[in-house]
Protein backbone atom coordinates (compact mmCIF):
# COMPACT_ATOMS: atom_id res chain seq x y z
CA UNK A 1 0.00 0.00 0.00
CA UNK A 2 1.44 3.37 -1.02
CA UNK A 3 1.92 6.18 1.48
CA UNK A 4 -0.70 8.37 -0.20
CA UNK A 5 -3.33 5.63 -0.08
CA UNK A 6 -2.46 4.81 3.53
CA UNK A 7 -2.78 8.45 4.57
CA UNK A 8 -6.07 8.81 2.68
CA UNK A 9 -7.50 5.71 4.38
CA UNK A 10 -6.52 7.01 7.81
CA UNK A 11 -8.12 10.37 7.07
CA UNK A 12 -11.30 8.71 5.80
CA UNK A 13 -11.57 6.51 8.89
CA UNK A 14 -11.15 9.55 11.13
CA UNK A 15 -13.83 11.48 9.26
CA UNK A 16 -16.29 8.60 9.23
CA UNK A 17 -15.83 8.03 12.95
CA UNK A 18 -16.70 11.70 13.42
CA UNK A 19 -19.72 11.63 11.09
CA UNK A 20 -21.27 8.38 12.32
CA UNK A 21 -23.14 7.89 15.61
CA UNK A 22 -21.11 6.41 18.46
CA UNK A 23 -22.69 2.97 18.03
CA UNK A 24 -20.93 2.63 14.66
CA UNK A 25 -17.53 3.94 15.73
CA UNK A 26 -14.74 1.70 14.38
CA UNK A 27 -17.27 -1.03 13.43
CA UNK A 28 -19.13 0.55 10.52
CA UNK A 29 -17.59 -1.86 8.01
CA UNK A 30 -19.36 -4.71 9.82
CA UNK A 31 -22.86 -3.24 9.34
CA UNK A 32 -25.07 -5.27 7.01
CA UNK A 33 -27.78 -3.76 4.75
CA UNK A 34 -30.61 -5.79 6.30
CA UNK A 35 -34.04 -4.20 6.63
CA UNK A 36 -36.29 -4.54 9.69
CA UNK A 37 -39.41 -4.22 7.53
CA UNK A 38 -41.94 -1.44 7.23
CA UNK A 39 -43.96 -0.18 10.19
CA UNK A 40 -47.74 0.00 9.78
CA UNK A 41 -49.55 3.31 9.99
CA UNK A 42 -51.36 4.15 13.22
CA UNK A 43 -54.21 6.63 13.51
CA UNK A 44 -55.34 8.97 16.27
CA UNK A 45 -58.90 9.49 17.50
CA UNK A 46 -59.50 12.08 14.78
CA UNK A 47 -58.53 9.68 11.98
CA UNK A 48 -55.19 11.31 11.24
CA UNK A 49 -51.92 9.37 11.08
CA UNK A 50 -50.21 9.40 14.48
CA UNK A 51 -46.73 9.80 13.04
CA UNK A 52 -45.14 10.08 16.48
CA UNK A 53 -46.46 6.65 17.55
CA UNK A 54 -45.36 4.46 14.64
CA UNK A 55 -41.72 3.58 15.26
CA UNK A 56 -40.15 1.90 18.25
CA UNK A 57 -36.78 1.52 16.51
CA UNK A 58 -35.15 2.02 13.12
CA UNK A 59 -32.93 0.10 10.71
CA UNK A 60 -29.24 0.95 10.66
CA UNK A 61 -28.39 4.19 8.91
CA UNK A 62 -27.64 3.86 5.21
CA UNK A 63 -24.70 6.19 5.96
CA UNK A 64 -23.30 3.44 8.19
CA UNK A 65 -23.95 0.69 5.65
CA UNK A 66 -27.51 -0.21 6.59
CA UNK A 67 -30.32 -0.62 4.07
CA UNK A 68 -31.47 2.62 2.41
CA UNK A 69 -35.06 3.42 3.30
CA UNK A 70 -36.05 3.37 -0.39
CA UNK A 71 -34.77 1.13 -3.13
CA UNK A 72 -35.00 3.93 -5.71
CA UNK A 73 -34.75 7.68 -5.41
CA UNK A 74 -37.79 9.65 -4.27
CA UNK A 75 -37.63 12.95 -6.17
CA UNK A 76 -39.45 16.29 -5.79
CA UNK A 77 -42.43 17.08 -8.00
CA UNK A 78 -42.09 19.11 -11.18
CA UNK A 79 -43.46 22.61 -11.42
CA UNK A 80 -45.82 21.56 -14.25
CA UNK A 81 -47.31 18.71 -12.21
CA UNK A 82 -47.70 20.96 -9.18
CA UNK A 83 -49.43 23.67 -11.22
CA UNK A 84 -51.82 21.08 -12.65
CA UNK A 85 -52.73 19.68 -9.20
CA UNK A 86 -51.99 22.50 -6.77
CA UNK A 87 -54.85 21.54 -4.43
CA UNK A 88 -53.53 18.03 -3.96
CA UNK A 89 -49.98 19.39 -3.68
CA UNK A 90 -51.04 21.62 -0.79
CA UNK A 91 -52.56 18.60 0.97
CA UNK A 92 -49.37 16.57 0.54
CA UNK A 93 -47.18 19.39 1.87
CA UNK A 94 -49.49 19.93 4.83
CA UNK A 95 -49.33 16.25 5.82
CA UNK A 96 -45.55 16.03 5.44
CA UNK A 97 -45.11 19.15 7.56
CA UNK A 98 -47.55 17.83 10.18
CA UNK A 99 -45.67 14.54 10.38
CA UNK A 100 -42.27 16.23 10.69
CA UNK A 101 -43.53 18.44 13.51
CA UNK A 102 -44.93 15.42 15.35
CA UNK A 103 -41.77 13.32 15.13
CA UNK A 104 -39.28 16.11 15.84
CA UNK A 105 -40.95 19.23 17.22
CA UNK A 106 -39.17 21.24 14.53
CA UNK A 107 -40.84 23.90 12.40
CA UNK A 108 -41.85 22.67 8.94
CA UNK A 109 -43.48 24.64 6.15
CA UNK A 110 -43.97 24.73 2.37
CA UNK A 111 -40.87 25.94 0.55
CA UNK A 112 -41.09 28.90 -1.84
CA UNK A 113 -39.50 26.65 -4.48
CA UNK A 114 -42.07 24.19 -5.89
CA UNK A 115 -41.44 20.55 -4.99
CA UNK A 116 -40.03 21.05 -1.53
CA UNK A 117 -40.96 21.52 2.11
CA UNK A 118 -38.62 23.23 4.57
CA UNK A 119 -37.55 22.15 8.04
CA UNK A 120 -35.84 24.60 10.38
CA UNK A 121 -33.04 22.62 12.03
CA UNK A 122 -31.17 23.45 15.23
CA UNK A 123 -28.10 24.61 13.33
CA UNK A 124 -26.11 24.38 10.11
CA UNK A 125 -24.36 21.21 11.26
CA UNK A 126 -27.61 19.35 11.89
CA UNK A 127 -29.06 20.42 8.52
CA UNK A 128 -25.87 19.48 6.67
CA UNK A 129 -25.64 16.08 8.32
CA UNK A 130 -29.34 15.29 7.84
CA UNK A 131 -29.22 16.27 4.16
CA UNK A 132 -26.37 13.84 3.53
CA UNK A 133 -27.90 11.06 5.61
CA UNK A 134 -31.36 11.39 4.02
CA UNK A 135 -30.02 11.35 0.45
CA UNK A 136 -28.17 8.15 1.34
CA UNK A 137 -31.59 6.76 2.31
CA UNK A 138 -32.60 7.47 -1.34
CA UNK A 139 -34.88 10.38 -0.53
CA UNK A 140 -33.98 13.70 -2.15
CA UNK A 141 -32.81 16.37 0.28
CA UNK A 142 -30.83 19.57 0.25
CA UNK A 143 -30.05 22.33 2.70
CA UNK A 144 -29.52 26.07 2.77
CA UNK A 145 -27.84 27.08 6.01
CA UNK A 146 -29.91 25.62 8.85
CA UNK A 147 -32.89 24.98 6.55
CA UNK A 148 -33.35 21.40 5.33
CA UNK A 149 -35.50 20.81 2.26
CA UNK A 150 -37.40 17.58 1.61
CA UNK A 151 -39.35 16.50 -1.50
CA UNK A 152 -43.08 16.87 -2.12
CA UNK A 153 -45.28 16.19 -5.16
CA UNK A 154 -49.00 15.99 -5.87
CA UNK A 155 -48.81 12.26 -6.70
CA UNK A 156 -47.41 11.37 -3.27
CA UNK A 157 -49.65 8.89 -1.43
CA UNK A 158 -50.14 8.78 2.33
CA UNK A 159 -49.03 5.18 2.85
CA UNK A 160 -46.19 5.38 0.30
CA UNK A 161 -44.29 8.54 -0.63
CA UNK A 162 -45.55 10.76 2.20
CA UNK A 163 -44.64 8.03 4.66
CA UNK A 164 -41.25 7.63 2.93
CA UNK A 165 -40.38 11.29 3.44
CA UNK A 166 -41.48 11.37 7.07
CA UNK A 167 -39.86 8.01 7.90
CA UNK A 168 -36.48 8.95 6.36
CA UNK A 169 -36.53 12.21 8.31
CA UNK A 170 -37.65 10.52 11.54
CA UNK A 171 -34.95 7.85 11.16
CA UNK A 172 -32.06 10.23 10.57
CA UNK A 173 -33.29 12.77 13.12
CA UNK A 174 -33.57 9.95 15.67
CA UNK A 175 -29.91 9.08 15.17
CA UNK A 176 -28.81 12.73 15.29
CA UNK A 177 -30.72 13.58 18.46
CA UNK A 178 -30.56 10.26 20.27
CA UNK A 179 -27.23 8.73 19.27
CA UNK A 180 -24.86 11.65 18.63
CA UNK A 181 -23.86 13.55 21.78
CA UNK A 182 -23.60 17.34 21.74
CA UNK A 183 -19.79 17.46 21.57
CA UNK A 184 -19.81 15.13 18.55
CA UNK A 185 -22.53 17.24 16.90
CA UNK A 186 -20.19 20.21 17.23
CA UNK A 187 -17.31 18.16 15.80
CA UNK A 188 -19.49 17.19 12.83
CA UNK A 189 -20.40 20.83 12.19
CA UNK A 190 -16.70 21.77 12.28
CA UNK A 191 -15.77 18.88 9.98
CA UNK A 192 -18.38 19.94 7.40
CA UNK A 193 -16.89 23.45 7.41
CA UNK A 194 -13.37 22.03 7.08
CA UNK A 195 -14.37 19.82 4.13
CA UNK A 196 -16.00 22.80 2.40
CA UNK A 197 -12.76 24.78 2.75
CA UNK A 198 -10.78 21.93 1.22
CA UNK A 199 -13.15 21.25 -1.66
CA UNK A 200 -16.56 22.57 -2.64
CA UNK A 201 -19.45 20.31 -1.67
CA UNK A 202 -20.79 18.66 -4.81
CA UNK A 203 -24.46 17.68 -4.87
CA UNK A 204 -26.83 17.16 -7.82
CA UNK A 205 -27.86 20.29 -9.68
CA UNK A 206 -31.65 20.04 -9.78
CA UNK A 207 -32.20 23.49 -11.28
CA UNK A 208 -33.81 23.73 -14.69
CA UNK A 209 -30.51 24.65 -16.35
CA UNK A 210 -28.72 21.87 -14.50
CA UNK A 211 -31.22 19.27 -15.63
CA UNK A 212 -31.17 20.32 -19.29
CA UNK A 213 -27.40 20.69 -19.50
CA UNK A 214 -26.38 17.78 -17.33
CA UNK A 215 -26.15 15.00 -19.91
CA UNK A 216 -22.99 16.26 -21.59
CA UNK A 217 -21.28 16.74 -18.24
CA UNK A 218 -22.42 13.28 -17.11
CA UNK A 219 -20.80 11.79 -20.22
CA UNK A 220 -17.56 13.59 -19.40
CA UNK A 221 -17.55 12.32 -15.82
CA UNK A 222 -18.37 8.80 -17.03
CA UNK A 223 -15.38 8.82 -19.38
CA UNK A 224 -13.04 10.07 -16.65
CA UNK A 225 -14.24 7.46 -14.16
CA UNK A 226 -13.92 4.63 -16.68
CA UNK A 227 -10.40 5.78 -17.63
CA UNK A 228 -9.23 5.86 -14.00
CA UNK A 229 -11.06 2.82 -12.59
CA UNK A 230 -12.42 0.71 -15.42
CA UNK A 231 -15.89 0.92 -13.87
CA UNK A 232 -18.82 1.10 -16.25
CA UNK A 233 -21.48 3.77 -15.95
CA UNK A 234 -25.15 3.76 -16.86
CA UNK A 235 -27.13 6.35 -18.78
CA UNK A 236 -28.56 9.03 -16.46
CA UNK A 237 -31.98 8.01 -15.21
CA UNK A 238 -32.24 10.71 -12.57
CA UNK A 239 -31.69 14.43 -13.00
CA UNK A 240 -28.34 15.40 -11.50
CA UNK A 241 -27.05 11.86 -10.96
CA UNK A 242 -24.71 9.45 -12.77
CA UNK A 243 -24.82 5.73 -11.99
CA UNK A 244 -21.58 3.76 -11.59
CA UNK A 245 -21.73 -0.04 -11.72
CA UNK A 246 -19.90 -1.62 -8.76
CA UNK A 247 -18.86 -5.28 -8.39
CA UNK A 248 -20.87 -5.81 -5.17
CA UNK A 249 -23.16 -4.16 -2.64
CA UNK A 250 -20.29 -4.02 -0.14
CA UNK A 251 -18.13 -2.19 -2.66
CA UNK A 252 -20.91 0.30 -3.45
CA UNK A 253 -21.54 0.94 0.26
CA UNK A 254 -17.84 1.46 0.92
CA UNK A 255 -17.48 3.89 -1.98
CA UNK A 256 -20.64 5.79 -1.01
CA UNK A 257 -19.55 6.35 2.59
CA UNK A 258 -16.05 7.39 1.63
CA UNK A 259 -17.27 9.83 -1.04
CA UNK A 260 -19.59 11.55 1.43
CA UNK A 261 -16.64 11.85 3.80
CA UNK A 262 -14.80 13.50 0.88
CA UNK A 263 -17.56 16.14 0.44
CA UNK A 264 -19.08 14.48 -2.63
CA UNK A 265 -22.71 13.52 -2.07
CA UNK A 266 -23.52 9.97 -3.15
CA UNK A 267 -26.03 7.20 -2.66
CA UNK A 268 -26.63 3.69 -3.96
CA UNK A 269 -29.33 1.46 -5.39
CA UNK A 270 -28.20 -2.13 -5.06
CA UNK A 271 -24.74 -2.35 -6.62
CA UNK A 272 -25.09 0.95 -8.48
CA UNK A 273 -23.30 3.91 -6.92
CA UNK A 274 -24.78 7.29 -7.85
CA UNK A 275 -22.54 10.36 -7.97
CA UNK A 276 -23.62 13.97 -8.51
CA UNK A 277 -23.53 15.98 -11.72
CA UNK A 278 -23.26 19.73 -11.14
CA UNK A 279 -21.91 22.20 -13.68
CA UNK A 280 -21.84 25.01 -11.12
CA UNK A 281 -19.78 23.47 -8.31
CA UNK A 282 -17.91 20.96 -10.52
CA UNK A 283 -18.00 22.39 -14.07
CA UNK A 284 -15.55 19.93 -15.60
CA UNK A 285 -16.59 16.96 -13.50
CA UNK A 286 -13.04 16.66 -12.20
CA UNK A 287 -13.89 16.92 -8.48
CA UNK A 288 -16.27 13.96 -8.69
CA UNK A 289 -14.12 11.90 -11.06
CA UNK A 290 -10.92 12.41 -9.03
CA UNK A 291 -12.74 11.56 -5.81
CA UNK A 292 -14.14 8.35 -7.31
CA UNK A 293 -10.70 7.38 -8.59
CA UNK A 294 -9.03 8.08 -5.24
CA UNK A 295 -11.66 6.20 -3.24
CA UNK A 296 -11.57 3.30 -5.72
CA UNK A 297 -7.82 2.90 -5.11
CA UNK A 298 -8.42 3.03 -1.35
CA UNK A 299 -11.15 0.38 -1.57
CA UNK A 300 -8.83 -1.88 -3.57
CA UNK A 301 -6.03 -1.35 -1.06
CA UNK A 302 -8.40 -2.18 1.81
CA UNK A 303 -9.38 -5.40 0.02
CA UNK A 304 -12.99 -4.44 -0.56
CA UNK A 305 -14.59 -6.64 -3.20
């Protein structure tokens, strides 16, 4: 193992032990992506879902290597769909916000940008950590300062997509509040600032211009990744994301965790690792491609298959 790879692995381990709850410290590579199953909805006396009474426990965090809450990405609604069904959209947003308030006590409200609801977190560190953790659960999320944004769309159903959004938030918020002590929360906030100083945080560009212009950049990133690693990529099926075919689930999990610890947002669906495409923060795709190449070499050196 070369000195550079050894130093990178040590730095990654240190960052992951900071980012992950104490229960995963130094043992996160042993976590298996096994689901506990879905909890049934419960209703209060008024016939509304009692979101705060559904879960007694949660699966392991996808960030730690547990099963992502969703098998495929849950995306925000489009402006056209929202305009066509604005009444239903308002109902969906209201229920998501009600559920978030019940499970966390945090303020939640409809975002000014169509397709999103906002959650006011207890600080920038909490919002930044939750955004990363929720995306790794395969639910779209982004943050602006201490404001976390979660997806909403008029086609969302109570027992499916609405529940998915609330469950992914409840799960990650549960780990942040209940399993990460205050001093570690501060260390996470400081680490996120440090990573941003070292390299700009790259997340999917979901703006209209990013979606329309992302295919050419995705092709560039795909070529760079294949040149450096030999890994094959798939045609973009999600706006702002490029899929990379990995040899195993374990390999995809390892790459995903390490990329997030390198300030590159990522997630996985089975053995496919998804990396972000963003012409604003990574105009040539070099940040993402270099990070994938570096982490790939580290995974190989660690003996991940």
